[in-house]
Structures are given as C-alpha cells and as structure tokens.
Amino acid sequence: MTQRFAEYDQAYRQYCVLFILGKDVSYLSYMFYQGNFVSIDDDGKFHISVESVQDAKIAIKELKLKKKEYALVKREISQQQKVIRAKYTENVRQRGSKIRGGGGLGQLIRTVQTSNRDADRRALAQELAPLEQ
C-alpha cells in the first residue's frame, strides 16, 4: 500500500467513525472528491487517471471505499425517512375518525378535520423533501 493511499484510508476511517458516532460531518463533501487517482465532480462524473497496473488497483480500492461511503450515507438517510414516516403513521393511528352527521355544524367540523389532515400530510412531505434529493 502506498503512502498516499494509506493516508486516504486513514482519513476515510476517521470519517466513518465520526459518521457512525453521529458527529457533524457536514464539512465533508459527499459529491466532490479528489483522490490520488480518482476524482468525482459535483455533477457525479468520475475521472480516473492511472499510468500503471498498481495505480489501477489503488484506483479500484478508492472507488470501492467511496462506494461504501455513499452506501453509509444512503442508509442513514433511509433510516431518517423511516423514522419520520413511522412518527406520521403513529399519529394517523392515534387520531379518531371524522365526525358524522350534525348538519351544517358537522360539515364545518369535518372541513376543519380535513384541512388539519391535509396540513399533516403536507408537513410530512416537506419534512421528507430534503432527504429525497
């Protein structure tokens, strides 16, 4: 293992430890990456420059590590979405059914109940929107 790859590997492990412990890793870019042989642009394009078989092997290792990192990020986001949806589902299960009858007053109450339920669905969509990008 070359010195540069060992440094990258150590930095990646530190990142993983911080990420798993829930520390703030927002200062690290998920899309932009500049490694020894592999670079990833903001738009997700890969650029690989190798000159030998050893360089190619190291580039493959870098790509595998980056793939694992993205899998960790994806898993974390999926877990956050799951928690948000579970919270919403629990709220839906706890609320009662709409009031029936009651003439004009009942209709007004049902309208308010419908608008509250619509607002809850809208709030759920707004809470999930940043995670779905």
Protein backbone atom coordinates (compact mmCIF):
# COMPACT_ATOMS: atom_id res chain seq x y z
CA MET A 1 0.00 0.00 0.00
CA THR A 2 1.45 3.33 -1.00
CA GLN A 3 1.87 6.17 1.45
CA ARG A 4 -0.77 8.33 -0.25
CA PHE A 5 -3.34 5.55 -0.24
CA ALA A 6 -2.59 4.81 3.41
CA GLU A 7 -3.24 8.48 4.25
CA TYR A 8 -6.52 8.39 2.34
CA ASP A 9 -7.51 5.14 4.03
CA GLN A 10 -6.83 6.62 7.46
CA ALA A 11 -8.83 9.76 6.66
CA TYR A 12 -11.70 7.64 5.37
CA ARG A 13 -11.74 5.55 8.54
CA GLN A 14 -11.80 8.70 10.67
CA TYR A 15 -14.72 9.96 8.60
CA CYS A 16 -16.59 6.67 9.10
CA VAL A 17 -16.04 6.79 12.85
CA LEU A 18 -17.32 10.38 13.02
CA PHE A 19 -20.30 9.48 10.84
CA ILE A 20 -21.22 6.41 12.88
CA LEU A 21 -20.93 8.33 16.13
CA GLY A 22 -23.27 10.95 14.73
CA LYS A 23 -20.76 13.78 14.73
CA ASP A 24 -21.15 16.69 12.35
CA VAL A 25 -19.54 15.73 9.07
CA SER A 26 -21.28 18.40 7.01
CA TYR A 27 -17.93 19.98 6.25
CA LEU A 28 -17.11 16.95 4.11
CA SER A 29 -18.46 16.97 0.59
CA TYR A 30 -20.37 13.89 -0.49
CA MET A 31 -20.27 14.61 -4.20
CA PHE A 32 -16.92 16.26 -4.77
CA TYR A 33 -13.93 14.04 -4.19
CA GLN A 34 -10.30 14.40 -5.25
CA GLY A 35 -8.24 11.31 -4.54
CA ASN A 36 -4.90 10.13 -5.78
CA PHE A 37 -6.18 8.57 -9.00
CA VAL A 38 -9.94 9.13 -8.88
CA SER A 39 -11.88 12.38 -8.81
CA ILE A 40 -15.63 12.88 -8.67
CA ASP A 41 -17.17 16.15 -9.82
CA ASP A 42 -20.15 17.89 -8.26
CA ASP A 43 -22.36 16.57 -11.05
CA GLY A 44 -21.27 12.98 -10.28
CA LYS A 45 -18.87 12.38 -13.16
CA PHE A 46 -15.89 10.14 -12.46
CA HIS A 47 -12.40 10.89 -13.73
CA ILE A 48 -9.79 8.18 -13.37
CA SER A 49 -6.17 8.69 -14.33
CA VAL A 50 -3.78 5.78 -13.95
CA GLU A 51 -0.45 5.00 -15.53
CA SER A 52 0.30 1.53 -14.25
CA VAL A 53 -1.35 -1.63 -13.02
CA GLN A 54 -0.57 -0.70 -9.40
CA ASP A 55 -2.22 2.69 -9.88
CA ALA A 56 -5.28 0.98 -11.35
CA LYS A 57 -5.53 -1.34 -8.35
CA ILE A 58 -5.34 1.60 -5.98
CA ALA A 59 -7.96 3.46 -8.03
CA ILE A 60 -10.26 0.46 -7.77
CA LYS A 61 -9.76 0.41 -3.99
CA GLU A 62 -10.56 4.13 -3.83
CA LEU A 63 -13.74 3.55 -5.82
CA LYS A 64 -14.78 0.70 -3.55
CA LEU A 65 -14.20 2.86 -0.47
CA LYS A 66 -16.19 5.70 -2.00
CA LYS A 67 -19.00 3.29 -2.84
CA LYS A 68 -19.09 2.13 0.78
CA GLU A 69 -19.20 5.74 1.95
CA TYR A 70 -22.15 6.52 -0.30
CA ALA A 71 -23.89 3.36 0.93
CA LEU A 72 -23.46 4.55 4.53
CA VAL A 73 -24.90 7.95 3.67
CA LYS A 74 -27.80 6.38 1.81
CA ARG A 75 -28.51 4.01 4.71
CA GLU A 76 -28.50 6.92 7.16
CA ILE A 77 -30.92 8.93 5.02
CA SER A 78 -33.21 5.91 4.61
CA GLN A 79 -33.23 5.44 8.38
CA GLN A 80 -34.18 9.10 8.91
CA GLN A 81 -37.02 8.76 6.39
CA LYS A 82 -38.21 5.60 8.12
CA VAL A 83 -38.35 7.36 11.50
CA ILE A 84 -40.25 10.34 10.06
CA ARG A 85 -42.79 8.08 8.33
CA ALA A 86 -43.23 5.94 11.45
CA LYS A 87 -43.95 9.05 13.51
CA TYR A 88 -46.59 10.17 10.99
CA THR A 89 -48.14 6.69 10.86
CA GLU A 90 -48.37 6.60 14.65
CA ASN A 91 -50.16 9.98 14.64
CA VAL A 92 -52.60 8.72 11.99
CA ARG A 93 -53.36 5.63 14.06
CA GLN A 94 -53.98 7.68 17.20
CA ARG A 95 -56.48 10.13 15.70
CA GLY A 96 -60.13 9.25 15.67
CA SER A 97 -62.47 9.03 12.76
CA LYS A 98 -64.21 12.06 11.35
CA ILE A 99 -67.39 13.21 12.98
CA ARG A 100 -70.58 12.12 11.22
CA GLY A 101 -73.80 13.99 10.83
CA GLY A 102 -74.51 17.21 12.65
CA GLY A 103 -75.88 19.20 9.73
CA GLY A 104 -74.13 22.50 9.00
CA LEU A 105 -72.04 22.37 12.18
CA GLY A 106 -70.94 18.81 11.44
CA GLN A 107 -69.96 19.83 7.93
CA LEU A 108 -67.86 22.69 9.32
CA ILE A 109 -66.14 20.35 11.79
CA ARG A 110 -65.42 17.80 9.01
CA THR A 111 -63.95 20.58 6.86
CA VAL A 112 -61.63 21.60 9.68
CA GLN A 113 -60.66 17.98 10.28
CA THR A 114 -59.92 17.51 6.58
CA SER A 115 -57.80 20.65 6.43
CA ASN A 116 -55.83 19.53 9.51
CA ARG A 117 -55.18 16.13 7.97
CA ASP A 118 -54.12 17.75 4.70
CA ALA A 119 -51.75 20.02 6.64
CA ASP A 120 -50.25 16.97 8.37
CA ARG A 121 -49.64 15.27 5.00
CA ARG A 122 -48.14 18.48 3.63
CA ALA A 123 -45.85 18.76 6.68
CA LEU A 124 -44.74 15.15 6.15
CA ALA A 125 -43.93 15.84 2.50
CA GLN A 126 -41.97 18.98 3.45
CA GLU A 127 -40.03 17.08 6.10
CA LEU A 128 -39.14 14.30 3.66
CA ALA A 129 -38.33 16.55 0.68
CA PRO A 130 -34.72 17.42 1.65
CA LEU A 131 -33.94 13.75 2.27
CA GLU A 132 -35.30 12.62 -1.09
CA GLN A 133 -32.98 14.73 -3.21
